[in-house]
Protein backbone atom coordinates (compact mmCIF):
# COMPACT_ATOMS: atom_id res chain seq x y z
CA MET A 1 -9.04 -12.98 1.59
CA GLU A 2 -12.48 -12.27 3.38
CA GLY A 3 -13.22 -8.91 4.62
CA TYR A 4 -11.26 -6.05 5.13
CA LYS A 5 -7.99 -6.25 7.46
CA TYR A 6 -6.37 -3.52 9.28
CA TYR A 7 -3.10 -3.88 11.06
CA SER A 8 -2.39 -2.04 14.63
CA THR A 9 0.97 -0.75 14.20
CA GLN A 10 1.04 1.57 17.14
CA ARG A 11 -0.26 -0.75 20.00
CA PRO A 12 -1.71 -4.10 21.07
CA VAL A 13 -5.47 -4.31 20.18
CA ASP A 14 -7.68 -3.67 23.36
CA LEU A 15 -10.85 -1.69 24.09
CA LEU A 16 -11.14 1.68 22.79
CA THR A 17 -7.88 0.85 20.60
CA TYR A 18 -10.23 0.39 17.53
CA PRO A 19 -12.96 1.69 15.54
CA ASN A 20 -16.43 -0.49 16.68
CA PRO A 21 -19.29 1.40 14.65
CA PRO A 22 -22.57 0.09 15.15
CA ASP A 23 -23.04 -0.75 11.15
CA ASN A 24 -19.50 -2.28 10.79
CA LYS A 25 -17.92 -3.96 14.25
CA PRO A 26 -15.12 -6.13 13.52
CA VAL A 27 -15.38 -9.46 12.26
CA GLU A 28 -12.29 -10.79 13.80
CA ILE A 29 -9.66 -9.77 15.98
CA VAL A 30 -6.43 -10.84 16.79
CA ASN A 31 -3.51 -9.89 18.97
CA TYR A 32 0.04 -11.53 18.25
CA ASP A 33 1.52 -13.22 21.14
CA CYS A 34 4.55 -11.44 21.48
CA ASP A 35 6.02 -8.50 23.72
CA ALA A 36 6.64 -6.46 20.75
CA ARG A 37 5.47 -5.63 16.96
CA ILE A 38 6.30 -8.58 14.46
CA PRO A 39 7.05 -8.10 10.85
CA VAL A 40 3.50 -8.36 8.57
CA GLN A 41 4.03 -10.51 6.20
CA GLY A 42 4.05 -9.19 2.45
CA GLU A 43 4.13 -5.35 4.02
CA ASN A 44 6.50 -3.44 4.96
CA PHE A 45 5.74 -2.36 8.59
CA ARG A 46 5.50 -4.26 11.83
CA ALA A 47 2.01 -4.29 13.88
CA TRP A 48 0.95 -5.77 17.09
CA GLY A 49 -2.51 -7.45 16.01
CA GLU A 50 -5.00 -7.01 13.42
CA LEU A 51 -8.90 -6.47 12.98
CA THR A 52 -10.96 -7.93 10.30
CA TYR A 53 -14.29 -5.93 9.07
CA ALA A 54 -17.07 -6.84 6.70
CA LYS A 55 -16.83 -2.95 4.94
CA PRO A 56 -13.90 -0.88 4.60
CA LEU A 57 -13.38 1.58 7.17
CA THR A 58 -13.00 5.28 6.67
CA ASP A 59 -9.73 7.18 5.96
CA LYS A 60 -10.43 9.03 9.04
CA GLN A 61 -11.04 5.98 11.00
CA MET A 62 -7.77 4.66 9.92
CA TYR A 63 -6.10 7.68 11.13
CA ASP A 64 -8.00 8.38 14.16
CA TYR A 65 -6.95 4.56 15.26
CA GLU A 66 -3.39 4.50 13.56
CA LEU A 67 -4.54 1.39 11.88
CA ARG A 68 -2.84 0.36 8.38
CA PRO A 69 -4.67 -1.11 5.72
CA SER A 70 -3.77 -4.72 4.26
CA ARG A 71 -2.60 -4.20 0.63
CA LEU A 72 -4.70 -7.11 -0.30
CA ASN A 73 -8.16 -5.57 0.61
CA PRO A 74 -10.53 -5.42 -1.94
CA ASP A 75 -10.64 -1.68 -2.00
CA ARG A 76 -6.77 -1.47 -2.35
CA VAL A 77 -5.53 -3.99 -4.83
CA GLN A 78 -5.17 -2.73 -8.03
CA SER A 79 -5.36 -4.60 -11.62
CA ARG A 80 -1.98 -3.78 -12.90
CA PRO A 81 -0.11 -6.26 -15.07
CA SER A 82 3.12 -7.93 -13.73
CA ILE A 83 6.57 -6.22 -14.58
CA THR A 84 7.22 -9.34 -16.15
CA ALA A 85 4.18 -8.84 -18.84
CA ARG A 86 4.92 -5.20 -19.18
CA LEU A 87 8.56 -5.79 -20.23
CA GLN A 88 7.35 -8.31 -22.92
CA LYS A 89 4.95 -5.74 -23.94
CA ALA A 90 7.44 -3.23 -24.13
CA ALA A 91 9.92 -5.42 -25.98
CA SER A 92 7.50 -6.10 -28.64
CA ARG A 93 6.67 -2.94 -29.78
CA PRO A 94 8.66 -1.88 -32.82
CA GLU A 95 11.64 0.44 -32.16
CA GLN A 96 10.72 4.25 -33.14
CA ALA A 97 13.26 6.13 -34.79
CA GLN A 98 14.48 9.07 -32.56
CA GLU A 99 15.47 12.37 -33.97
CA ALA A 100 19.46 13.57 -33.78
CA PRO A 101 19.89 15.77 -30.91
CA LYS A 102 20.00 19.43 -32.52
CA PRO A 103 22.89 21.43 -32.00
CA LYS A 104 22.31 24.04 -28.83
CA ASP A 105 22.10 28.13 -29.65
CA THR A 106 24.07 28.76 -26.93
CA LYS A 107 28.22 30.21 -27.02
CA ASN A 108 30.40 28.22 -25.42
CA HIS A 109 33.09 30.07 -23.11
CA GLU A 110 35.39 30.54 -26.06
CA ASP A 111 33.09 32.10 -28.07
CA ARG A 112 32.23 34.75 -25.29
């Protein structure tokens, strides 16, 4: 993915509905052709449109304009192994002996 993508979840993209700083103008603006928000592929929300910037927006800019960042943005992608790789790694570890549970020091209702 080229650039940093943000989704407009509250309104269609129009004048004054997105950040337009002089040093980070939008590279691309896309309004979805529909009368309602549509589900965003790979995300768990709906949006009216999307904006792409060359540099990331600040948290304040995203908050002020109610924009949601794409999970695929370079500053959001986490280098975490897949669940399959984590399960295989856990399965290859030798099992550790567990201690037997210690008896409780408290008296039961009959001993009181």
